[in-house]
Amino acid sequence: MLDFIIDLFNKEKSETTERTTDKNRAIQIAACALFIEIGNIDDEFSIEEKEKVISIMKNKFSLTDSEISKLISVSKKEIEQSVSVYEFTEIVNQNFNNDEKFNLIKNLWQIAYTDGNIDKYEDHYIKRICNNLHLTHKDRIAAKLEVKERIEN
């Protein structure tokens, strides 16, 4: 009887760990997909933008180069199969608090500024993401100015 209870507890613990791992992976894919989309919004995902995405993913999720490479590949497939960015922003909304969402927007601005300028498509994309994440216009502009100031200094 005791073995049965121990096995049941271990099984439950294992399932909880799997759900947590799946949830973390979904968050990583969602964030990476948003980063790739901003880099590719002008139809050119440059080497510099890819390097910026890799750097952000390393810092945010503490991933290895190999894990990031796989994540980028999976994220690109998810983007191709997605209907809209809502699929990704919904995952972010369910798992991030407002500060984490704000930091995600700052990361999007960093990627957008990689080539030295912001075009109207990048600006519109970030605006749409902010709306989906229930962040204000003030938040979007504050994130943009914070990133711009850091880049200029």
C-alpha atoms as a PDB file:
ATOM      1  CA  MET A   1       0.000   0.000   0.000  1.00  0.00           C
ATOM      2  CA  LEU A   2       2.787   2.392   0.879  1.00  0.00           C
ATOM      3  CA  ASP A   3       4.506   1.651  -2.441  1.00  0.00           C
ATOM      4  CA  PHE A   4       1.279   2.482  -4.253  1.00  0.00           C
ATOM      5  CA  ILE A   5       1.033   5.879  -2.529  1.00  0.00           C
ATOM      6  CA  ILE A   6       4.696   6.634  -3.198  1.00  0.00           C
ATOM      7  CA  ASP A   7       4.270   5.673  -6.874  1.00  0.00           C
ATOM      8  CA  LEU A   8       1.154   7.828  -7.113  1.00  0.00           C
ATOM      9  CA  PHE A   9       2.979  10.780  -5.549  1.00  0.00           C
ATOM     10  CA  ASN A  10       5.982  10.326  -7.877  1.00  0.00           C
ATOM     11  CA  LYS A  11       3.694  10.084 -10.904  1.00  0.00           C
ATOM     12  CA  GLU A  12       1.896  13.273  -9.902  1.00  0.00           C
ATOM     13  CA  LYS A  13       5.222  15.017  -9.324  1.00  0.00           C
ATOM     14  CA  SER A  14       6.446  13.840 -12.734  1.00  0.00           C
ATOM     15  CA  GLU A  15       3.290  15.094 -14.457  1.00  0.00           C
ATOM     16  CA  THR A  16       3.602  18.459 -12.712  1.00  0.00           C
ATOM     17  CA  THR A  17       7.228  18.727 -13.864  1.00  0.00           C
ATOM     18  CA  GLU A  18       6.193  17.874 -17.433  1.00  0.00           C
ATOM     19  CA  ARG A  19       3.438  20.522 -17.375  1.00  0.00           C
ATOM     20  CA  THR A  20       5.901  23.104 -16.067  1.00  0.00           C
ATOM     21  CA  THR A  21       8.428  22.162 -18.749  1.00  0.00           C
ATOM     22  CA  ASP A  22       5.745  22.338 -21.458  1.00  0.00           C
ATOM     23  CA  LYS A  23       4.563  25.704 -20.141  1.00  0.00           C
ATOM     24  CA  ASN A  24       8.112  27.098 -20.092  1.00  0.00           C
ATOM     25  CA  ARG A  25       8.712  25.804 -23.622  1.00  0.00           C
ATOM     26  CA  ALA A  26       5.478  27.427 -24.845  1.00  0.00           C
ATOM     27  CA  ILE A  27       6.558  30.739 -23.300  1.00  0.00           C
ATOM     28  CA  GLN A  28       9.977  30.478 -24.945  1.00  0.00           C
ATOM     29  CA  ILE A  29       8.440  29.684 -28.333  1.00  0.00           C
ATOM     30  CA  ALA A  30       5.950  32.548 -28.041  1.00  0.00           C
ATOM     31  CA  ALA A  31       8.634  35.087 -27.113  1.00  0.00           C
ATOM     32  CA  CYS A  32      11.019  33.820 -29.776  1.00  0.00           C
ATOM     33  CA  ALA A  33       8.269  33.944 -32.417  1.00  0.00           C
ATOM     34  CA  LEU A  34       7.520  37.573 -31.557  1.00  0.00           C
ATOM     35  CA  PHE A  35      11.237  38.395 -31.747  1.00  0.00           C
ATOM     36  CA  ILE A  36      11.626  36.674 -35.119  1.00  0.00           C
ATOM     37  CA  GLU A  37       8.541  38.421 -36.473  1.00  0.00           C
ATOM     38  CA  ILE A  38       9.860  41.887 -35.585  1.00  0.00           C
ATOM     39  CA  GLY A  39      13.194  41.006 -37.175  1.00  0.00           C
ATOM     40  CA  ASN A  40      11.479  39.776 -40.314  1.00  0.00           C
ATOM     41  CA  ILE A  41       8.773  42.442 -40.553  1.00  0.00           C
ATOM     42  CA  ASP A  42      10.709  44.221 -43.312  1.00  0.00           C
ATOM     43  CA  ASP A  43      11.195  40.877 -45.133  1.00  0.00           C
ATOM     44  CA  GLU A  44      14.858  40.767 -44.184  1.00  0.00           C
ATOM     45  CA  PHE A  45      15.905  38.926 -41.026  1.00  0.00           C
ATOM     46  CA  SER A  46      19.490  40.166 -40.940  1.00  0.00           C
ATOM     47  CA  ILE A  47      22.416  38.458 -39.244  1.00  0.00           C
ATOM     48  CA  GLU A  48      22.546  41.320 -36.728  1.00  0.00           C
ATOM     49  CA  GLU A  49      18.872  40.887 -35.885  1.00  0.00           C
ATOM     50  CA  LYS A  50      19.315  37.133 -35.495  1.00  0.00           C
ATOM     51  CA  GLU A  51      22.308  37.720 -33.205  1.00  0.00           C
ATOM     52  CA  LYS A  52      20.214  40.156 -31.138  1.00  0.00           C
ATOM     53  CA  VAL A  53      17.416  37.569 -30.836  1.00  0.00           C
ATOM     54  CA  ILE A  54      19.950  34.947 -29.730  1.00  0.00           C
ATOM     55  CA  SER A  55      21.446  37.334 -27.173  1.00  0.00           C
ATOM     56  CA  ILE A  56      18.033  38.210 -25.738  1.00  0.00           C
ATOM     57  CA  MET A  57      16.967  34.556 -25.567  1.00  0.00           C
ATOM     58  CA  LYS A  58      20.221  33.643 -23.785  1.00  0.00           C
ATOM     59  CA  ASN A  59      19.747  36.394 -21.225  1.00  0.00           C
ATOM     60  CA  LYS A  60      16.020  35.898 -20.683  1.00  0.00           C
ATOM     61  CA  PHE A  61      15.860  32.108 -20.602  1.00  0.00           C
ATOM     62  CA  SER A  62      19.462  31.020 -19.900  1.00  0.00           C
ATOM     63  CA  LEU A  63      19.586  28.755 -22.951  1.00  0.00           C
ATOM     64  CA  THR A  64      22.570  27.245 -24.733  1.00  0.00           C
ATOM     65  CA  ASP A  65      23.377  27.969 -28.368  1.00  0.00           C
ATOM     66  CA  SER A  66      22.070  24.552 -29.357  1.00  0.00           C
ATOM     67  CA  GLU A  67      18.802  25.057 -27.458  1.00  0.00           C
ATOM     68  CA  ILE A  68      18.358  28.482 -29.031  1.00  0.00           C
ATOM     69  CA  SER A  69      18.992  27.107 -32.515  1.00  0.00           C
ATOM     70  CA  LYS A  70      16.293  24.472 -31.981  1.00  0.00           C
ATOM     71  CA  LEU A  71      13.977  27.064 -30.470  1.00  0.00           C
ATOM     72  CA  ILE A  72      14.372  29.384 -33.456  1.00  0.00           C
ATOM     73  CA  SER A  73      13.636  26.501 -35.813  1.00  0.00           C
ATOM     74  CA  VAL A  74      10.510  25.475 -33.876  1.00  0.00           C
ATOM     75  CA  SER A  75       9.387  29.102 -33.583  1.00  0.00           C
ATOM     76  CA  LYS A  76       9.693  29.641 -37.334  1.00  0.00           C
ATOM     77  CA  LYS A  77       7.498  26.589 -37.928  1.00  0.00           C
ATOM     78  CA  GLU A  78       4.971  27.877 -35.397  1.00  0.00           C
ATOM     79  CA  ILE A  79       4.923  31.255 -37.159  1.00  0.00           C
ATOM     80  CA  GLU A  80       4.231  29.568 -40.500  1.00  0.00           C
ATOM     81  CA  GLN A  81       1.346  27.607 -38.985  1.00  0.00           C
ATOM     82  CA  SER A  82      -0.117  30.477 -36.982  1.00  0.00           C
ATOM     83  CA  VAL A  83      -3.085  32.551 -37.999  1.00  0.00           C
ATOM     84  CA  SER A  84      -1.990  35.697 -36.167  1.00  0.00           C
ATOM     85  CA  VAL A  85       0.319  37.001 -33.461  1.00  0.00           C
ATOM     86  CA  TYR A  86      -2.563  36.637 -31.026  1.00  0.00           C
ATOM     87  CA  GLU A  87      -1.620  32.982 -30.570  1.00  0.00           C
ATOM     88  CA  PHE A  88       1.749  34.085 -29.184  1.00  0.00           C
ATOM     89  CA  THR A  89       0.599  37.139 -27.244  1.00  0.00           C
ATOM     90  CA  GLU A  90      -2.091  35.076 -25.526  1.00  0.00           C
ATOM     91  CA  ILE A  91       0.605  32.801 -24.072  1.00  0.00           C
ATOM     92  CA  VAL A  92       2.509  35.870 -22.895  1.00  0.00           C
ATOM     93  CA  ASN A  93      -0.656  37.341 -21.352  1.00  0.00           C
ATOM     94  CA  GLN A  94      -1.362  34.151 -19.436  1.00  0.00           C
ATOM     95  CA  ASN A  95       2.159  33.883 -18.020  1.00  0.00           C
ATOM     96  CA  PHE A  96       3.747  37.350 -17.746  1.00  0.00           C
ATOM     97  CA  ASN A  97       3.019  40.153 -15.338  1.00  0.00           C
ATOM     98  CA  ASN A  98       3.030  43.777 -16.578  1.00  0.00           C
ATOM     99  CA  ASP A  99       6.733  44.294 -15.839  1.00  0.00           C
ATOM    100  CA  GLU A 100       7.649  41.184 -17.829  1.00  0.00           C
ATOM    101  CA  LYS A 101       5.422  42.334 -20.699  1.00  0.00           C
ATOM    102  CA  PHE A 102       7.088  45.758 -20.613  1.00  0.00           C
ATOM    103  CA  ASN A 103      10.515  44.089 -20.779  1.00  0.00           C
ATOM    104  CA  LEU A 104       9.346  41.997 -23.729  1.00  0.00           C
ATOM    105  CA  ILE A 105       8.358  45.207 -25.528  1.00  0.00           C
ATOM    106  CA  LYS A 106      11.783  46.687 -24.755  1.00  0.00           C
ATOM    107  CA  ASN A 107      13.338  43.568 -26.300  1.00  0.00           C
ATOM    108  CA  LEU A 108      11.215  44.050 -29.420  1.00  0.00           C
ATOM    109  CA  TRP A 109      12.436  47.653 -29.662  1.00  0.00           C
ATOM    110  CA  GLN A 110      16.044  46.479 -29.270  1.00  0.00           C
ATOM    111  CA  ILE A 111      15.631  44.109 -32.199  1.00  0.00           C
ATOM    112  CA  ALA A 112      13.876  46.779 -34.267  1.00  0.00           C
ATOM    113  CA  TYR A 113      16.686  49.281 -33.583  1.00  0.00           C
ATOM    114  CA  THR A 114      19.379  46.776 -34.615  1.00  0.00           C
ATOM    115  CA  ASP A 115      19.600  48.279 -38.111  1.00  0.00           C
ATOM    116  CA  GLY A 116      19.708  51.826 -36.725  1.00  0.00           C
ATOM    117  CA  ASN A 117      16.197  52.940 -37.642  1.00  0.00           C
ATOM    118  CA  ILE A 118      12.561  52.085 -37.028  1.00  0.00           C
ATOM    119  CA  ASP A 119      10.349  51.744 -40.075  1.00  0.00           C
ATOM    120  CA  LYS A 120       6.576  52.119 -40.031  1.00  0.00           C
ATOM    121  CA  TYR A 121       6.014  48.348 -40.145  1.00  0.00           C
ATOM    122  CA  GLU A 122       8.154  47.737 -37.054  1.00  0.00           C
ATOM    123  CA  ASP A 123       6.406  50.562 -35.206  1.00  0.00           C
ATOM    124  CA  HIS A 124       2.969  49.248 -36.180  1.00  0.00           C
ATOM    125  CA  TYR A 125       3.888  45.671 -35.197  1.00  0.00           C
ATOM    126  CA  ILE A 126       5.040  46.737 -31.738  1.00  0.00           C
ATOM    127  CA  LYS A 127       1.912  48.839 -31.339  1.00  0.00           C
ATOM    128  CA  ARG A 128      -0.222  45.787 -32.163  1.00  0.00           C
ATOM    129  CA  ILE A 129       1.732  43.611 -29.714  1.00  0.00           C
ATOM    130  CA  CYS A 130       1.313  46.222 -26.968  1.00  0.00           C
ATOM    131  CA  ASN A 131      -2.427  46.318 -27.615  1.00  0.00           C
ATOM    132  CA  ASN A 132      -2.628  42.527 -27.446  1.00  0.00           C
ATOM    133  CA  LEU A 133      -0.646  42.558 -24.187  1.00  0.00           C
ATOM    134  CA  HIS A 134      -2.969  45.213 -22.732  1.00  0.00           C
ATOM    135  CA  LEU A 135      -0.139  47.728 -22.393  1.00  0.00           C
ATOM    136  CA  THR A 136      -0.815  51.410 -22.862  1.00  0.00           C
ATOM    137  CA  HIS A 137       0.471  53.813 -25.484  1.00  0.00           C
ATOM    138  CA  LYS A 138       2.482  55.400 -22.671  1.00  0.00           C
ATOM    139  CA  ASP A 139       4.144  52.030 -21.936  1.00  0.00           C
ATOM    140  CA  ARG A 140       5.036  51.545 -25.604  1.00  0.00           C
ATOM    141  CA  ILE A 141       6.609  54.980 -25.901  1.00  0.00           C
ATOM    142  CA  ALA A 142       8.417  54.647 -22.546  1.00  0.00           C
ATOM    143  CA  ALA A 143       9.928  51.334 -23.656  1.00  0.00           C
ATOM    144  CA  LYS A 144      10.940  52.825 -27.004  1.00  0.00           C
ATOM    145  CA  LEU A 145      12.586  55.865 -25.430  1.00  0.00           C
ATOM    146  CA  GLU A 146      14.382  53.769 -22.810  1.00  0.00           C
ATOM    147  CA  VAL A 147      15.881  51.519 -25.496  1.00  0.00           C
ATOM    148  CA  LYS A 148      16.714  54.453 -27.759  1.00  0.00           C
ATOM    149  CA  GLU A 149      18.479  56.286 -24.933  1.00  0.00           C
ATOM    150  CA  ARG A 150      20.484  53.189 -24.001  1.00  0.00           C
ATOM    151  CA  ILE A 151      21.554  52.709 -27.624  1.00  0.00           C
ATOM    152  CA  GLU A 152      22.599  56.343 -28.030  1.00  0.00           C
ATOM    153  CA  ASN A 153      24.717  56.353 -24.871  1.00  0.00           C
END
